Protein backbone atom coordinates (compact mmCIF):
# COMPACT_ATOMS: atom_id res chain seq x y z
CA MET A 1 -71.22 -90.98 -76.59
CA ARG A 2 -68.70 -93.52 -77.68
CA LEU A 3 -68.68 -95.71 -74.58
CA SER A 4 -71.47 -96.93 -72.32
CA ALA A 5 -69.23 -97.03 -69.24
CA PRO A 6 -66.21 -95.04 -68.12
CA ARG A 7 -62.73 -96.34 -68.83
CA VAL A 8 -61.46 -93.93 -66.19
CA PRO A 9 -64.17 -93.67 -63.53
CA PRO A 10 -64.85 -90.34 -61.84
CA VAL A 11 -63.33 -90.17 -58.39
CA ASP A 12 -65.44 -90.74 -55.31
CA LEU A 13 -65.20 -87.40 -53.53
CA ASP A 14 -65.09 -89.26 -50.21
CA GLN A 15 -61.88 -91.01 -51.28
CA ILE A 16 -59.71 -88.21 -52.70
CA ASP A 17 -56.28 -87.21 -51.47
CA ASP A 18 -55.14 -83.70 -50.52
CA GLU A 19 -53.71 -82.92 -53.96
CA GLN A 20 -56.99 -83.88 -55.64
CA ARG A 21 -58.96 -81.93 -53.03
CA GLU A 22 -56.89 -78.84 -53.74
CA ALA A 23 -57.37 -79.19 -57.51
CA LEU A 24 -61.15 -79.49 -57.06
CA ALA A 25 -61.43 -76.62 -54.58
CA VAL A 26 -62.08 -74.21 -57.45
CA PHE A 27 -65.49 -75.89 -57.92
CA THR A 28 -66.47 -76.24 -54.32
CA GLY A 29 -64.91 -73.30 -52.52
CA ILE A 30 -63.95 -75.78 -49.85
CA GLN A 31 -60.21 -76.37 -49.64
CA ARG A 32 -60.19 -79.31 -47.23
CA ASP A 33 -63.62 -80.91 -47.42
CA VAL A 34 -64.82 -81.31 -51.00
CA THR A 35 -67.14 -84.11 -49.88
CA LYS A 36 -69.69 -81.57 -48.60
CA SER A 37 -70.43 -80.64 -52.20
CA GLU A 38 -70.93 -84.12 -53.65
CA GLY A 39 -72.74 -83.81 -56.96
CA ALA A 40 -71.61 -80.23 -57.56
CA VAL A 41 -68.47 -81.39 -59.38
CA LEU A 42 -69.15 -82.51 -62.95
CA ASN A 43 -68.02 -85.93 -64.14
CA ILE A 44 -65.43 -84.41 -66.48
CA PHE A 45 -63.61 -82.82 -63.54
CA ARG A 46 -64.05 -85.83 -61.26
CA THR A 47 -62.38 -87.83 -64.04
CA LEU A 48 -59.57 -85.41 -64.89
CA VAL A 49 -58.65 -85.06 -61.21
CA HIS A 50 -56.98 -88.48 -61.45
CA ALA A 51 -54.18 -86.21 -62.76
CA PRO A 52 -54.56 -83.22 -60.38
CA LYS A 53 -51.71 -81.14 -61.81
CA GLY A 54 -53.05 -81.80 -65.31
CA LEU A 55 -56.54 -80.70 -64.22
CA THR A 56 -55.14 -77.48 -62.75
CA ALA A 57 -53.28 -76.65 -65.99
CA PHE A 58 -56.32 -77.63 -68.06
CA LEU A 59 -58.55 -75.29 -66.03
CA ALA A 60 -56.16 -72.36 -66.51
CA TRP A 61 -56.25 -72.62 -70.31
CA GLY A 62 -59.96 -73.52 -70.39
CA GLY A 63 -60.58 -70.51 -68.17
CA TYR A 64 -59.18 -68.26 -70.91
CA ILE A 65 -61.29 -69.89 -73.62
CA LEU A 66 -64.50 -69.52 -71.59
CA SER A 67 -63.76 -66.00 -70.34
CA ARG A 68 -64.31 -62.52 -71.72
CA ARG A 69 -60.60 -62.51 -72.58
CA ASN A 70 -61.62 -64.69 -75.53
CA SER A 71 -62.59 -62.03 -78.08
CA LEU A 72 -65.36 -64.11 -79.67
CA SER A 73 -68.82 -63.26 -78.41
CA GLU A 74 -70.26 -65.87 -76.05
CA ARG A 75 -72.74 -66.90 -78.74
CA ASP A 76 -70.05 -67.29 -81.41
CA ARG A 77 -67.81 -69.20 -79.01
CA GLU A 78 -70.63 -71.63 -78.22
CA LEU A 79 -71.52 -71.98 -81.91
CA VAL A 80 -67.96 -73.14 -82.54
CA ILE A 81 -67.74 -75.36 -79.44
CA LEU A 82 -70.99 -77.13 -80.28
CA ARG A 83 -69.83 -77.79 -83.84
CA VAL A 84 -66.58 -79.25 -82.48
CA GLY A 85 -68.50 -81.47 -80.07
CA TYR A 86 -70.75 -82.65 -82.86
CA ASN A 87 -67.90 -83.24 -85.31
CA CYS A 88 -65.95 -85.18 -82.67
CA LYS A 89 -69.09 -87.19 -81.77
CA SER A 90 -68.66 -86.12 -78.15
CA GLY A 91 -72.07 -86.59 -76.59
CA TYR A 92 -70.90 -85.25 -73.23
CA GLU A 93 -69.45 -82.07 -74.75
CA PHE A 94 -72.48 -81.43 -76.95
CA THR A 95 -74.86 -82.01 -74.05
CA GLN A 96 -73.02 -79.68 -71.65
CA HIS A 97 -72.63 -76.91 -74.20
CA THR A 98 -76.21 -77.11 -75.48
CA ARG A 99 -77.34 -75.62 -72.17
CA ILE A 100 -74.47 -73.10 -72.18
CA GLY A 101 -75.20 -72.22 -75.82
CA LEU A 102 -78.86 -71.55 -75.07
CA ASP A 103 -77.80 -69.30 -72.19
CA ALA A 104 -75.38 -67.50 -74.57
CA GLY A 105 -78.10 -66.67 -77.08
CA LEU A 106 -78.26 -69.62 -79.47
CA THR A 107 -81.76 -70.86 -80.22
CA GLU A 108 -82.89 -74.47 -80.18
CA ALA A 109 -83.30 -74.25 -83.97
CA GLU A 110 -79.70 -73.04 -84.31
CA ILE A 111 -78.43 -75.89 -82.14
CA GLU A 112 -80.23 -78.32 -84.47
CA ALA A 113 -78.73 -76.53 -87.49
CA ILE A 114 -75.24 -76.85 -85.97
CA LYS A 115 -75.59 -80.59 -86.54
CA ALA A 116 -76.30 -79.96 -90.24
CA GLY A 117 -73.24 -77.74 -90.51
CA PRO A 118 -72.32 -74.67 -92.51
CA ASP A 119 -74.46 -75.60 -95.53
CA ASP A 120 -77.72 -75.30 -93.59
CA PRO A 121 -79.60 -72.46 -95.33
CA SER A 122 -80.59 -70.82 -92.03
CA TRP A 123 -77.08 -69.51 -91.26
CA SER A 124 -75.93 -65.95 -91.78
CA ASP A 125 -72.74 -65.53 -93.80
CA ALA A 126 -70.77 -64.90 -90.58
CA ASP A 127 -72.10 -68.01 -88.82
CA ARG A 128 -71.50 -70.09 -91.95
CA ALA A 129 -67.89 -68.85 -92.14
CA MET A 130 -67.18 -69.73 -88.50
CA LEU A 131 -68.75 -73.17 -88.90
CA ARG A 132 -66.79 -73.81 -92.11
CA ALA A 133 -63.51 -72.84 -90.40
CA THR A 134 -64.41 -75.16 -87.53
CA ASP A 135 -65.05 -77.99 -89.99
CA ASP A 136 -61.69 -77.31 -91.67
CA LEU A 137 -59.91 -77.53 -88.33
CA THR A 138 -61.64 -80.71 -87.16
CA SER A 139 -61.11 -82.50 -90.46
CA ASP A 140 -57.83 -81.13 -91.89
CA PHE A 141 -56.38 -79.34 -88.81
CA HIS A 142 -55.89 -76.23 -90.94
CA VAL A 143 -58.17 -73.37 -91.97
CA SER A 144 -58.21 -73.28 -95.78
CA ASP A 145 -57.43 -70.02 -97.60
CA ALA A 146 -61.06 -69.72 -98.70
CA SER A 147 -62.35 -70.23 -95.16
CA TRP A 148 -59.79 -67.80 -93.72
CA SER A 149 -60.81 -65.17 -96.26
CA ALA A 150 -64.48 -65.66 -95.34
CA LEU A 151 -63.58 -64.75 -91.73
CA SER A 152 -62.65 -61.20 -92.83
CA PHE A 153 -65.34 -59.77 -90.52
CA LEU A 154 -63.25 -60.98 -87.54
CA SER A 155 -60.14 -59.26 -86.20
CA ASP A 156 -56.86 -61.18 -86.20
CA LYS A 157 -57.29 -61.82 -82.46
CA GLN A 158 -60.81 -63.14 -83.01
CA LYS A 159 -59.52 -65.48 -85.72
CA MET A 160 -56.81 -66.67 -83.34
CA ASP A 161 -59.37 -67.17 -80.57
CA LEU A 162 -61.58 -69.16 -82.96
CA VAL A 163 -58.69 -71.50 -83.80
CA MET A 164 -57.68 -71.80 -80.13
CA THR A 165 -61.29 -72.50 -79.10
CA VAL A 166 -61.59 -75.26 -81.69
CA GLY A 167 -58.26 -76.69 -80.55
CA GLN A 168 -59.25 -76.66 -76.89
CA TYR A 169 -62.57 -78.34 -77.47
CA THR A 170 -61.13 -80.90 -79.89
CA GLN A 171 -58.78 -81.89 -77.07
CA VAL A 172 -61.65 -81.93 -74.57
CA SER A 173 -63.73 -84.10 -76.90
CA MET A 174 -60.86 -86.56 -77.38
CA MET A 175 -60.47 -86.90 -73.62
CA LEU A 176 -64.19 -87.29 -72.98
CA ASN A 177 -64.57 -89.89 -75.74
CA SER A 178 -61.46 -91.86 -74.79
CA PHE A 179 -61.94 -91.80 -71.02
CA GLY A 180 -65.62 -92.66 -71.38
CA VAL A 181 -66.91 -89.74 -69.33
CA GLN A 182 -70.64 -90.31 -68.86
CA LEU A 183 -73.38 -87.69 -68.73
CA ASP A 184 -74.08 -86.05 -65.40
CA ALA A 185 -77.31 -86.80 -63.53
CA GLY A 186 -80.42 -85.43 -65.20
CA GLN A 187 -78.89 -84.96 -68.64
CA GLU A 188 -80.17 -86.53 -71.86
CA LEU A 189 -78.01 -87.56 -74.78
CA ASP A 190 -78.86 -86.25 -78.24
CA PRO A 191 -79.79 -89.42 -80.19
CA ALA A 192 -77.60 -88.27 -83.10
CA LEU A 193 -74.56 -88.68 -80.85
CA ASP A 194 -75.38 -92.08 -79.35
CA ARG A 195 -72.60 -94.34 -80.60
CA ARG A 196 -72.19 -96.35 -77.42
CA ASN A 197 -70.85 -99.84 -77.72
């Protein structure tokens, strides 16, 4: 976490307008009365709904990245997303996707090793290659020739989905960090990502 308080506070679901209510309906299933589901809408979405059309567009693209249309396995996708969150020092992103990563098949030991990066000796060659490509993208915004070659076990579409997943979650991390989105109730911040001022 970069900030100890939001710069853009999450909306109060009792105070939203019709356009915001419509944008949030995807989470609540309630078109006209989102307030009945207070607490069910995560802080990221309650923050992004300040720009309801932006939230709707964001959800469409994010829906692709998190769907089976993304050709990476769920585990590989979460491996990459968690590395992005860690590299971007996005405590919110890393916290949310730790739970998702565990559900997708990552172990607690692997989530710890994600913080160490591709040089951790526990990684398989495939995991190491995906982590190295992720590091390339979050540091140089380009997958090096060596890293691209190491991804030879992936199809072209899988390589594209890896790059698009890293891009999506780099953007998400920038928004979370800059807007000061705080953890949702009941979540604990990984101490390695506590950079609050």
